[in-house]
Amino acid sequence: MKDILVLVLIFSAQAPRVASLLARNVVTAKISLHNTIDSGTCGLRPTLPDNGTQELNTRVVGGFESVRNSWPSICSLRHSQYPDSHFCGADLIKNLYGDYFMITAAHCVQNNNQSSQYLAFCGVHNVSSRTEPHRIKVEFSNLRIHPFFNHTTLDYDVAIFSISTSVPTNEFISPVCLPYEDMLVGEKAIVVGWGSLRPETPHARVLHQVTVPIMPRETCQSMYAADAVITDRMFCAGLRSGGIDACDGDSGGPLYSYRLNEWNLIGIVSWGYGCADPGYTSVYTDVMVVRDWINRIINYLPDDIIG
């Protein structure tokens, strides 16, 4: 994690962790883009024993190993020059025409905006294995970073890859849904990733998950008031007492919520102080707030409005 702290120049001697959670913003849209992913074609999970829908008391720091291939939309993002090294999470999404895209945090790709410099592996449980039966390599044809992304504050921390390779449709590799309504304070969500299980340790080899509650906005702002700005594109999830959280290597990855029999991507892991430290939780990009921009990009609509 120390290798990316230079990306965030917050106004404190305590530099924030750049991880992988998402943010929120109020958008005034000229058009409605509410249902741009067909219901029933996203947010599905395979029927597996103990697939992680139960209430959890532990985490990704503080969590437990996910059931293999139980989160079919998550992918491991890699640099093309280092295809064996996971560095950020990402998620599959799909447009109205059946085309696949991949969404991640902008800070994961801000140092190089050339899509050819990245690839991903989907259908993965162990990021160190080359022989998993459902593992596929995904290559990209384009990369769009939100035009309002701020590398200092990590506002609008979201980016989208266009996918150039064929993505098979099966129960182990499938897209997540975008949210259709605001989250609720106290709502339980699940953060999933290959991040460190303890601070200052290597990334986990196998996928882990933890349940975290959505925190009141006022509490989130008060935690970071002296050191950083919590914008309208951000929210916090976790426990102020610590013990459960995202960590290094979870950046760009998903925070999921289960709504109306579908899994929704409500947050992208963005940043935080430490990993599960008392007094701080991770900060996420609010997907609902930037959803209109996402839908315009993936459905090839004009950029006449920005959100």
C-alpha atoms as a PDB file:
ATOM      1  CA  MET A   1       0.000   0.000   0.000  1.00  0.00           C
ATOM      2  CA  LYS A   2       2.871   2.301   0.659  1.00  0.00           C
ATOM      3  CA  ASP A   3       3.672   2.244  -3.037  1.00  0.00           C
ATOM      4  CA  ILE A   4       0.500   4.164  -3.916  1.00  0.00           C
ATOM      5  CA  LEU A   5       0.182   6.630  -1.069  1.00  0.00           C
ATOM      6  CA  VAL A   6       1.808   9.267  -3.262  1.00  0.00           C
ATOM      7  CA  LEU A   7      -1.368   9.344  -5.336  1.00  0.00           C
ATOM      8  CA  VAL A   8      -3.311  11.049  -2.561  1.00  0.00           C
ATOM      9  CA  LEU A   9      -2.151  14.372  -1.221  1.00  0.00           C
ATOM     10  CA  ILE A  10      -4.590  14.906   1.631  1.00  0.00           C
ATOM     11  CA  PHE A  11      -4.139  17.695   4.113  1.00  0.00           C
ATOM     12  CA  SER A  12      -2.688  15.686   6.972  1.00  0.00           C
ATOM     13  CA  ALA A  13       0.506  14.008   8.059  1.00  0.00           C
ATOM     14  CA  GLN A  14      -1.507  10.796   8.147  1.00  0.00           C
ATOM     15  CA  ALA A  15      -1.772   9.716   4.519  1.00  0.00           C
ATOM     16  CA  PRO A  16      -4.884   7.761   3.548  1.00  0.00           C
ATOM     17  CA  ARG A  17      -4.872   4.204   2.270  1.00  0.00           C
ATOM     18  CA  VAL A  18      -5.748   3.967  -1.391  1.00  0.00           C
ATOM     19  CA  ALA A  19      -7.769   0.791  -1.609  1.00  0.00           C
ATOM     20  CA  SER A  20     -10.890   0.076  -3.644  1.00  0.00           C
ATOM     21  CA  LEU A  21     -14.319   1.385  -2.623  1.00  0.00           C
ATOM     22  CA  LEU A  22     -16.787   3.852  -4.329  1.00  0.00           C
ATOM     23  CA  ALA A  23     -18.484   7.288  -3.987  1.00  0.00           C
ATOM     24  CA  ARG A  24     -21.669   9.318  -4.550  1.00  0.00           C
ATOM     25  CA  ASN A  25     -22.879  12.498  -6.280  1.00  0.00           C
ATOM     26  CA  VAL A  26     -26.186  14.234  -7.002  1.00  0.00           C
ATOM     27  CA  VAL A  27     -26.776  14.285 -10.752  1.00  0.00           C
ATOM     28  CA  THR A  28     -29.160  16.533 -12.671  1.00  0.00           C
ATOM     29  CA  ALA A  29     -29.901  14.450 -15.751  1.00  0.00           C
ATOM     30  CA  LYS A  30     -31.619  15.572 -18.939  1.00  0.00           C
ATOM     31  CA  ILE A  31     -32.648  12.009 -19.689  1.00  0.00           C
ATOM     32  CA  SER A  32     -33.570   9.020 -17.579  1.00  0.00           C
ATOM     33  CA  LEU A  33     -31.143   6.103 -17.691  1.00  0.00           C
ATOM     34  CA  HIS A  34     -32.809   4.085 -14.974  1.00  0.00           C
ATOM     35  CA  ASN A  35     -33.049   0.661 -16.596  1.00  0.00           C
ATOM     36  CA  THR A  36     -30.154   0.346 -19.018  1.00  0.00           C
ATOM     37  CA  ILE A  37     -29.280  -3.182 -17.949  1.00  0.00           C
ATOM     38  CA  ASP A  38     -32.071  -5.715 -18.416  1.00  0.00           C
ATOM     39  CA  SER A  39     -33.419  -7.192 -15.197  1.00  0.00           C
ATOM     40  CA  GLY A  40     -32.752 -10.910 -14.993  1.00  0.00           C
ATOM     41  CA  THR A  41     -29.517 -10.754 -17.001  1.00  0.00           C
ATOM     42  CA  CYS A  42     -27.337  -9.372 -14.225  1.00  0.00           C
ATOM     43  CA  GLY A  43     -26.716  -9.772 -10.527  1.00  0.00           C
ATOM     44  CA  LEU A  44     -27.098 -13.551 -10.490  1.00  0.00           C
ATOM     45  CA  ARG A  45     -24.990 -16.015  -8.504  1.00  0.00           C
ATOM     46  CA  PRO A  46     -24.620 -19.774  -8.896  1.00  0.00           C
ATOM     47  CA  THR A  47     -26.408 -22.036  -6.457  1.00  0.00           C
ATOM     48  CA  LEU A  48     -23.561 -23.213  -4.275  1.00  0.00           C
ATOM     49  CA  PRO A  49     -23.429 -24.492  -0.700  1.00  0.00           C
ATOM     50  CA  ASP A  50     -22.908 -21.668   1.815  1.00  0.00           C
ATOM     51  CA  ASN A  51     -22.435 -19.011  -0.860  1.00  0.00           C
ATOM     52  CA  GLY A  52     -22.004 -16.170   1.550  1.00  0.00           C
ATOM     53  CA  THR A  53     -25.486 -14.645   1.803  1.00  0.00           C
ATOM     54  CA  GLN A  54     -25.667 -15.227   5.535  1.00  0.00           C
ATOM     55  CA  GLU A  55     -24.996 -12.571   8.155  1.00  0.00           C
ATOM     56  CA  LEU A  56     -21.284 -12.167   8.760  1.00  0.00           C
ATOM     57  CA  ASN A  57     -19.342 -11.049  11.782  1.00  0.00           C
ATOM     58  CA  THR A  58     -15.885 -11.142  10.202  1.00  0.00           C
ATOM     59  CA  ARG A  59     -14.084  -9.371   7.269  1.00  0.00           C
ATOM     60  CA  VAL A  60     -11.646  -9.074   4.135  1.00  0.00           C
ATOM     61  CA  VAL A  61      -9.578  -7.767   6.925  1.00  0.00           C
ATOM     62  CA  GLY A  62     -11.791  -9.589   9.431  1.00  0.00           C
ATOM     63  CA  GLY A  63     -13.527 -11.670   6.762  1.00  0.00           C
ATOM     64  CA  PHE A  64     -13.468 -15.209   5.455  1.00  0.00           C
ATOM     65  CA  GLU A  65     -12.695 -17.071   2.261  1.00  0.00           C
ATOM     66  CA  SER A  66     -15.490 -16.928  -0.315  1.00  0.00           C
ATOM     67  CA  VAL A  67     -16.937 -20.094  -1.780  1.00  0.00           C
ATOM     68  CA  ARG A  68     -15.112 -20.757  -5.064  1.00  0.00           C
ATOM     69  CA  ASN A  69     -16.733 -18.955  -8.042  1.00  0.00           C
ATOM     70  CA  SER A  70     -19.600 -17.669  -5.899  1.00  0.00           C
ATOM     71  CA  TRP A  71     -19.076 -14.047  -7.039  1.00  0.00           C
ATOM     72  CA  PRO A  72     -19.198 -14.344 -10.850  1.00  0.00           C
ATOM     73  CA  SER A  73     -18.788 -10.642 -11.719  1.00  0.00           C
ATOM     74  CA  ILE A  74     -15.525  -9.918  -9.880  1.00  0.00           C
ATOM     75  CA  CYS A  75     -12.265  -9.952 -11.843  1.00  0.00           C
ATOM     76  CA  SER A  76      -8.584  -9.502 -11.038  1.00  0.00           C
ATOM     77  CA  LEU A  77      -6.988  -6.523 -12.796  1.00  0.00           C
ATOM     78  CA  ARG A  78      -3.341  -6.876 -13.906  1.00  0.00           C
ATOM     79  CA  HIS A  79      -0.710  -4.856 -15.764  1.00  0.00           C
ATOM     80  CA  SER A  80       0.002  -6.392 -19.181  1.00  0.00           C
ATOM     81  CA  GLN A  81       3.721  -6.494 -18.382  1.00  0.00           C
ATOM     82  CA  TYR A  82       3.040  -8.359 -15.127  1.00  0.00           C
ATOM     83  CA  PRO A  83       0.135 -10.711 -15.912  1.00  0.00           C
ATOM     84  CA  ASP A  84       0.751 -12.862 -12.840  1.00  0.00           C
ATOM     85  CA  SER A  85       0.414  -9.967 -10.363  1.00  0.00           C
ATOM     86  CA  HIS A  86      -2.988  -8.830  -9.117  1.00  0.00           C
ATOM     87  CA  PHE A  87      -3.108  -5.134  -8.241  1.00  0.00           C
ATOM     88  CA  CYS A  88      -6.789  -4.063  -8.204  1.00  0.00           C
ATOM     89  CA  GLY A  89     -10.278  -5.491  -8.318  1.00  0.00           C
ATOM     90  CA  ALA A  90     -12.831  -4.864 -11.075  1.00  0.00           C
ATOM     91  CA  ASP A  91     -16.354  -5.965 -11.967  1.00  0.00           C
ATOM     92  CA  LEU A  92     -18.134  -7.070 -15.129  1.00  0.00           C
ATOM     93  CA  ILE A  93     -21.138  -5.024 -16.264  1.00  0.00           C
ATOM     94  CA  LYS A  94     -23.193  -5.328 -19.461  1.00  0.00           C
ATOM     95  CA  ASN A  95     -25.101  -2.856 -21.632  1.00  0.00           C
ATOM     96  CA  LEU A  96     -28.494  -3.076 -23.347  1.00  0.00           C
ATOM     97  CA  TYR A  97     -26.927  -4.641 -26.434  1.00  0.00           C
ATOM     98  CA  GLY A  98     -25.187  -7.475 -24.612  1.00  0.00           C
ATOM     99  CA  ASP A  99     -21.716  -5.927 -24.734  1.00  0.00           C
ATOM    100  CA  TYR A 100     -19.493  -6.443 -21.688  1.00  0.00           C
ATOM    101  CA  PHE A 101     -17.494  -3.758 -19.898  1.00  0.00           C
ATOM    102  CA  MET A 102     -15.370  -3.714 -16.775  1.00  0.00           C
ATOM    103  CA  ILE A 103     -15.635  -1.108 -14.025  1.00  0.00           C
ATOM    104  CA  THR A 104     -12.928  -0.242 -11.506  1.00  0.00           C
ATOM    105  CA  ALA A 105     -11.553   2.701  -9.524  1.00  0.00           C
ATOM    106  CA  ALA A 106      -9.947   5.514 -11.506  1.00  0.00           C
ATOM    107  CA  HIS A 107      -6.998   5.665  -9.115  1.00  0.00           C
ATOM    108  CA  CYS A 108      -6.077   2.109 -10.143  1.00  0.00           C
ATOM    109  CA  VAL A 109      -5.406   3.229 -13.714  1.00  0.00           C
ATOM    110  CA  GLN A 110      -4.585   6.936 -13.406  1.00  0.00           C
ATOM    111  CA  ASN A 111      -0.851   6.503 -14.053  1.00  0.00           C
ATOM    112  CA  ASN A 112      -1.458   5.025 -17.505  1.00  0.00           C
ATOM    113  CA  ASN A 113      -4.720   5.538 -19.391  1.00  0.00           C
ATOM    114  CA  GLN A 114      -3.809   3.201 -22.271  1.00  0.00           C
ATOM    115  CA  SER A 115      -6.160   0.216 -22.220  1.00  0.00           C
ATOM    116  CA  SER A 116      -3.522  -1.994 -23.872  1.00  0.00           C
ATOM    117  CA  GLN A 117      -1.424  -1.713 -20.708  1.00  0.00           C
ATOM    118  CA  TYR A 118      -3.974  -3.739 -18.733  1.00  0.00           C
ATOM    119  CA  LEU A 119      -5.691  -7.101 -18.759  1.00  0.00           C
ATOM    120  CA  ALA A 120      -7.898  -9.002 -16.336  1.00  0.00           C
ATOM    121  CA  PHE A 121      -8.745 -12.536 -15.320  1.00  0.00           C
ATOM    122  CA  CYS A 122     -12.354 -13.443 -14.533  1.00  0.00           C
ATOM    123  CA  GLY A 123     -13.762 -16.669 -13.119  1.00  0.00           C
ATOM    124  CA  VAL A 124     -10.868 -16.634 -10.656  1.00  0.00           C
ATOM    125  CA  HIS A 125     -10.708 -17.767  -7.035  1.00  0.00           C
ATOM    126  CA  ASN A 126      -6.957 -18.174  -6.494  1.00  0.00           C
ATOM    127  CA  VAL A 127      -5.138 -15.298  -8.211  1.00  0.00           C
ATOM    128  CA  SER A 128      -1.872 -17.256  -8.149  1.00  0.00           C
ATOM    129  CA  SER A 129      -3.282 -20.215 -10.094  1.00  0.00           C
ATOM    130  CA  ARG A 130      -3.101 -20.525 -13.887  1.00  0.00           C
ATOM    131  CA  THR A 131      -5.162 -23.709 -14.057  1.00  0.00           C
ATOM    132  CA  GLU A 132      -8.556 -22.872 -12.572  1.00  0.00           C
ATOM    133  CA  PRO A 133     -11.290 -24.389 -14.780  1.00  0.00           C
ATOM    134  CA  HIS A 134     -13.408 -21.243 -15.249  1.00  0.00           C
ATOM    135  CA  ARG A 135     -10.543 -18.741 -15.549  1.00  0.00           C
ATOM    136  CA  ILE A 136     -10.603 -16.528 -18.655  1.00  0.00           C
ATOM    137  CA  LYS A 137      -8.256 -13.796 -19.822  1.00  0.00           C
ATOM    138  CA  VAL A 138      -9.927 -10.496 -20.723  1.00  0.00           C
ATOM    139  CA  GLU A 139      -8.294  -7.831 -22.890  1.00  0.00           C
ATOM    140  CA  PHE A 140      -9.436  -4.259 -23.458  1.00  0.00           C
ATOM    141  CA  SER A 141      -9.972  -1.909 -26.408  1.00  0.00           C
ATOM    142  CA  ASN A 142     -10.649   1.369 -24.596  1.00  0.00           C
ATOM    143  CA  LEU A 143     -10.411   2.987 -21.163  1.00  0.00           C
ATOM    144  CA  ARG A 144     -12.565   5.863 -19.942  1.00  0.00           C
ATOM    145  CA  ILE A 145     -11.774   7.646 -16.678  1.00  0.00           C
ATOM    146  CA  HIS A 146     -14.490   9.886 -15.271  1.00  0.00           C
ATOM    147  CA  PRO A 147     -13.743  13.401 -16.582  1.00  0.00           C
ATOM    148  CA  PHE A 148     -14.138  14.891 -13.109  1.00  0.00           C
ATOM    149  CA  PHE A 149     -11.796  12.426 -11.385  1.00  0.00           C
ATOM    150  CA  ASN A 150      -9.544  14.256  -8.930  1.00  0.00           C
ATOM    151  CA  HIS A 151      -6.310  12.410  -8.146  1.00  0.00           C
ATOM    152  CA  THR A 152      -5.805  14.450  -4.972  1.00  0.00           C
ATOM    153  CA  THR A 153      -9.192  13.979  -3.293  1.00  0.00           C
ATOM    154  CA  LEU A 154     -10.182  10.814  -5.235  1.00  0.00           C
ATOM    155  CA  ASP A 155     -13.517  12.402  -6.096  1.00  0.00           C
ATOM    156  CA  TYR A 156     -15.319  10.616  -8.975  1.00  0.00           C
ATOM    157  CA  ASP A 157     -13.068   7.591  -8.502  1.00  0.00           C
ATOM    158  CA  VAL A 158     -14.444   5.420 -11.308  1.00  0.00           C
ATOM    159  CA  ALA A 159     -13.199   4.142 -14.681  1.00  0.00           C
ATOM    160  CA  ILE A 160     -14.602   1.832 -17.360  1.00  0.00           C
ATOM    161  CA  PHE A 161     -12.835  -0.545 -19.747  1.00  0.00           C
ATOM    162  CA  SER A 162     -14.341  -1.622 -23.067  1.00  0.00           C
ATOM    163  CA  ILE A 163     -13.672  -5.335 -23.556  1.00  0.00           C
ATOM    164  CA  SER A 164     -12.208  -6.614 -26.834  1.00  0.00           C
ATOM    165  CA  THR A 165     -12.290 -10.347 -26.098  1.00  0.00           C
ATOM    166  CA  SER A 166     -15.285 -12.664 -26.015  1.00  0.00           C
ATOM    167  CA  VAL A 167     -16.783 -13.210 -22.563  1.00  0.00           C
ATOM    168  CA  PRO A 168     -18.603 -16.536 -22.138  1.00  0.00           C
ATOM    169  CA  THR A 169     -22.027 -16.531 -20.535  1.00  0.00           C
ATOM    170  CA  ASN A 170     -22.249 -19.033 -17.704  1.00  0.00           C
ATOM    171  CA  GLU A 171     -23.059 -19.198 -14.010  1.00  0.00           C
ATOM    172  CA  PHE A 172     -19.421 -18.641 -13.017  1.00  0.00           C
ATOM    173  CA  ILE A 173     -18.790 -15.510 -15.118  1.00  0.00           C
ATOM    174  CA  SER A 174     -21.652 -13.011 -15.364  1.00  0.00           C
ATOM    175  CA  PRO A 175     -22.290  -9.268 -14.915  1.00  0.00           C
ATOM    176  CA  VAL A 176     -23.420  -7.447 -11.799  1.00  0.00           C
ATOM    177  CA  CYS A 177     -26.402  -5.055 -11.820  1.00  0.00           C
ATOM    178  CA  LEU A 178     -26.059  -1.327 -11.383  1.00  0.00           C
ATOM    179  CA  PRO A 179     -28.123   0.079  -8.492  1.00  0.00           C
ATOM    180  CA  TYR A 180     -31.547   1.607  -9.095  1.00  0.00           C
ATOM    181  CA  GLU A 181     -32.068   3.356  -5.761  1.00  0.00           C
ATOM    182  CA  ASP A 182     -30.051   4.996  -3.006  1.00  0.00           C
ATOM    183  CA  MET A 183     -28.620   2.838  -0.250  1.00  0.00           C
ATOM    184  CA  LEU A 184     -30.018   2.951   3.272  1.00  0.00           C
ATOM    185  CA  VAL A 185     -28.077   3.796   6.412  1.00  0.00           C
ATOM    186  CA  GLY A 186     -27.422   0.556   8.270  1.00  0.00           C
ATOM    187  CA  GLU A 187     -27.978  -1.548   5.147  1.00  0.00           C
ATOM    188  CA  LYS A 188     -25.675  -4.571   5.100  1.00  0.00           C
ATOM    189  CA  ALA A 189     -23.386  -4.882   2.096  1.00  0.00           C
ATOM    190  CA  ILE A 190     -20.593  -7.295   1.185  1.00  0.00           C
ATOM    191  CA  VAL A 191     -17.113  -6.205   0.125  1.00  0.00           C
ATOM    192  CA  VAL A 192     -15.206  -8.823  -1.861  1.00  0.00           C
ATOM    193  CA  GLY A 193     -11.578  -8.941  -2.943  1.00  0.00           C
ATOM    194  CA  TRP A 194      -8.036 -10.303  -2.876  1.00  0.00           C
ATOM    195  CA  GLY A 195      -6.695  -7.568  -0.616  1.00  0.00           C
ATOM    196  CA  SER A 196      -4.448  -8.049   2.381  1.00  0.00           C
ATOM    197  CA  LEU A 197      -5.952  -9.926   5.323  1.00  0.00           C
ATOM    198  CA  ARG A 198      -3.901  -7.855   7.753  1.00  0.00           C
ATOM    199  CA  PRO A 199      -2.262  -4.437   7.348  1.00  0.00           C
ATOM    200  CA  GLU A 200       1.215  -4.391   5.782  1.00  0.00           C
ATOM    201  CA  THR A 201       0.976  -7.978   4.511  1.00  0.00           C
ATOM    202  CA  PRO A 202       0.879  -9.411   0.948  1.00  0.00           C
ATOM    203  CA  HIS A 203      -2.383  -9.689  -0.950  1.00  0.00           C
ATOM    204  CA  ALA A 204      -4.521 -12.743  -0.288  1.00  0.00           C
ATOM    205  CA  ARG A 205      -4.214 -15.518  -2.854  1.00  0.00           C
ATOM    206  CA  VAL A 206      -7.860 -16.561  -2.632  1.00  0.00           C
ATOM    207  CA  LEU A 207     -10.993 -14.434  -2.712  1.00  0.00           C
ATOM    208  CA  HIS A 208     -12.335 -13.169   0.611  1.00  0.00           C
ATOM    209  CA  GLN A 209     -15.465 -11.314   1.677  1.00  0.00           C
ATOM    210  CA  VAL A 210     -16.916  -9.483   4.653  1.00  0.00           C
ATOM    211  CA  THR A 211     -20.232  -7.863   5.500  1.00  0.00           C
ATOM    212  CA  VAL A 212     -20.153  -4.170   6.412  1.00  0.00           C
ATOM    213  CA  PRO A 213     -22.973  -1.758   7.338  1.00  0.00           C
ATOM    214  CA  ILE A 214     -23.539   1.495   5.454  1.00  0.00           C
ATOM    215  CA  MET A 215     -22.547   4.330   7.768  1.00  0.00           C
ATOM    216  CA  PRO A 216     -24.488   7.586   8.295  1.00  0.00           C
ATOM    217  CA  ARG A 217     -23.044  10.353   6.155  1.00  0.00           C
ATOM    218  CA  GLU A 218     -22.533  12.617   9.171  1.00  0.00           C
ATOM    219  CA  THR A 219     -20.449   9.940  10.894  1.00  0.00           C
ATOM    220  CA  CYS A 220     -18.364   9.427   7.761  1.00  0.00           C
ATOM    221  CA  GLN A 221     -17.683  13.141   7.473  1.00  0.00           C
ATOM    222  CA  SER A 222     -16.789  13.484  11.141  1.00  0.00           C
ATOM    223  CA  MET A 223     -14.234  10.640  10.941  1.00  0.00           C
ATOM    224  CA  TYR A 224     -12.229  12.398   8.248  1.00  0.00           C
ATOM    225  CA  ALA A 225     -13.136  16.039   8.917  1.00  0.00           C
ATOM    226  CA  ALA A 226      -9.642  17.061  10.043  1.00  0.00           C
ATOM    227  CA  ASP A 227      -7.757  15.263   7.293  1.00  0.00           C
ATOM    228  CA  ALA A 228      -9.739  14.760   4.085  1.00  0.00           C
ATOM    229  CA  VAL A 229     -12.864  15.720   2.170  1.00  0.00           C
ATOM    230  CA  ILE A 230     -15.816  13.336   1.940  1.00  0.00           C
ATOM    231  CA  THR A 231     -17.549  14.524  -1.222  1.00  0.00           C
ATOM    232  CA  ASP A 232     -21.089  13.801  -2.384  1.00  0.00           C
ATOM    233  CA  ARG A 233     -19.639  11.016  -4.538  1.00  0.00           C
ATOM    234  CA  MET A 234     -18.329   9.114  -1.514  1.00  0.00           C
ATOM    235  CA  PHE A 235     -19.728   7.106   1.371  1.00  0.00           C
ATOM    236  CA  CYS A 236     -18.350   5.044   4.247  1.00  0.00           C
ATOM    237  CA  ALA A 237     -19.134   1.455   5.175  1.00  0.00           C
ATOM    238  CA  GLY A 238     -17.845  -0.521   8.133  1.00  0.00           C
ATOM    239  CA  LEU A 239     -17.593  -0.224  11.895  1.00  0.00           C
ATOM    240  CA  ARG A 240     -16.029   2.764  13.596  1.00  0.00           C
ATOM    241  CA  SER A 241     -14.746   0.353  16.233  1.00  0.00           C
ATOM    242  CA  GLY A 242     -12.686  -1.336  13.510  1.00  0.00           C
ATOM    243  CA  GLY A 243     -12.103  -5.034  12.914  1.00  0.00           C
ATOM    244  CA  ILE A 244     -13.767  -5.367   9.490  1.00  0.00           C
ATOM    245  CA  ASP A 245     -12.693  -3.544   6.342  1.00  0.00           C
ATOM    246  CA  ALA A 246     -11.230  -3.548   2.863  1.00  0.00           C
ATOM    247  CA  CYS A 247      -7.443  -3.339   2.623  1.00  0.00           C
ATOM    248  CA  ASP A 248      -4.532  -3.072   0.161  1.00  0.00           C
ATOM    249  CA  GLY A 249      -5.336  -4.847  -3.104  1.00  0.00           C
ATOM    250  CA  ASP A 250      -9.106  -4.497  -2.705  1.00  0.00           C
ATOM    251  CA  SER A 251      -9.020  -1.159  -4.575  1.00  0.00           C
ATOM    252  CA  GLY A 252     -11.368  -0.941  -7.537  1.00  0.00           C
ATOM    253  CA  GLY A 253     -13.293  -3.938  -6.285  1.00  0.00           C
ATOM    254  CA  PRO A 254     -16.972  -4.261  -5.421  1.00  0.00           C
ATOM    255  CA  LEU A 255     -19.287  -3.524  -2.546  1.00  0.00           C
ATOM    256  CA  TYR A 256     -22.448  -5.559  -3.222  1.00  0.00           C
ATOM    257  CA  SER A 257     -26.010  -5.251  -1.960  1.00  0.00           C
ATOM    258  CA  TYR A 258     -28.790  -7.825  -2.509  1.00  0.00           C
ATOM    259  CA  ARG A 259     -31.995  -6.174  -3.742  1.00  0.00           C
ATOM    260  CA  LEU A 260     -35.093  -7.747  -5.310  1.00  0.00           C
ATOM    261  CA  ASN A 261     -33.306 -11.038  -5.982  1.00  0.00           C
ATOM    262  CA  GLU A 262     -30.370  -9.357  -7.730  1.00  0.00           C
ATOM    263  CA  TRP A 263     -26.885  -8.388  -6.595  1.00  0.00           C
ATOM    264  CA  ASN A 264     -26.181  -4.696  -7.136  1.00  0.00           C
ATOM    265  CA  LEU A 265     -22.811  -2.953  -7.317  1.00  0.00           C
ATOM    266  CA  ILE A 266     -23.438  -0.080  -4.908  1.00  0.00           C
ATOM    267  CA  GLY A 267     -19.828   0.891  -4.187  1.00  0.00           C
ATOM    268  CA  ILE A 268     -16.268   0.698  -5.501  1.00  0.00           C
ATOM    269  CA  VAL A 269     -13.415   0.456  -3.006  1.00  0.00           C
ATOM    270  CA  SER A 270     -11.615   3.806  -3.112  1.00  0.00           C
ATOM    271  CA  TRP A 271      -9.536   4.817  -0.067  1.00  0.00           C
ATOM    272  CA  GLY A 272      -9.197   4.888   3.708  1.00  0.00           C
ATOM    273  CA  TYR A 273      -6.786   5.166   6.635  1.00  0.00           C
ATOM    274  CA  GLY A 274      -5.155   1.893   7.614  1.00  0.00           C
ATOM    275  CA  CYS A 275      -7.081  -1.367   7.389  1.00  0.00           C
ATOM    276  CA  ALA A 276      -9.863  -1.980   9.917  1.00  0.00           C
ATOM    277  CA  ASP A 277      -8.277   0.488  12.331  1.00  0.00           C
ATOM    278  CA  PRO A 278     -10.512   1.856  15.115  1.00  0.00           C
ATOM    279  CA  GLY A 279     -11.843   5.301  14.307  1.00  0.00           C
ATOM    280  CA  TYR A 280     -11.873   4.923  10.515  1.00  0.00           C
ATOM    281  CA  THR A 281     -13.695   2.905   7.869  1.00  0.00           C
ATOM    282  CA  SER A 282     -13.083   2.538   4.162  1.00  0.00           C
ATOM    283  CA  VAL A 283     -14.464   5.116   1.756  1.00  0.00           C
ATOM    284  CA  TYR A 284     -16.305   4.015  -1.383  1.00  0.00           C
ATOM    285  CA  THR A 285     -17.376   5.641  -4.641  1.00  0.00           C
ATOM    286  CA  ASP A 286     -21.173   5.760  -4.728  1.00  0.00           C
ATOM    287  CA  VAL A 287     -22.174   3.964  -7.925  1.00  0.00           C
ATOM    288  CA  MET A 288     -25.749   5.247  -7.761  1.00  0.00           C
ATOM    289  CA  VAL A 289     -24.479   8.818  -7.997  1.00  0.00           C
ATOM    290  CA  VAL A 290     -22.208   8.199 -11.008  1.00  0.00           C
ATOM    291  CA  ARG A 291     -24.602   5.705 -12.624  1.00  0.00           C
ATOM    292  CA  ASP A 292     -25.785   8.083 -15.358  1.00  0.00           C
ATOM    293  CA  TRP A 293     -22.218   8.610 -16.563  1.00  0.00           C
ATOM    294  CA  ILE A 294     -21.620   4.834 -16.486  1.00  0.00           C
ATOM    295  CA  ASN A 295     -24.767   4.181 -18.521  1.00  0.00           C
ATOM    296  CA  ARG A 296     -23.869   6.804 -21.110  1.00  0.00           C
ATOM    297  CA  ILE A 297     -20.433   5.267 -21.607  1.00  0.00           C
ATOM    298  CA  ILE A 298     -21.556   1.657 -21.878  1.00  0.00           C
ATOM    299  CA  ASN A 299     -24.640   2.405 -24.015  1.00  0.00           C
ATOM    300  CA  TYR A 300     -22.773   4.725 -26.417  1.00  0.00           C
ATOM    301  CA  LEU A 301     -24.875   7.770 -25.568  1.00  0.00           C
ATOM    302  CA  PRO A 302     -23.671  11.354 -26.135  1.00  0.00           C
ATOM    303  CA  ASP A 303     -21.807  13.153 -23.370  1.00  0.00           C
ATOM    304  CA  ASP A 304     -24.307  16.024 -23.217  1.00  0.00           C
ATOM    305  CA  ILE A 305     -24.677  15.585 -19.470  1.00  0.00           C
ATOM    306  CA  ILE A 306     -22.040  14.719 -16.918  1.00  0.00           C
ATOM    307  CA  GLY A 307     -22.780  12.936 -13.653  1.00  0.00           C
END
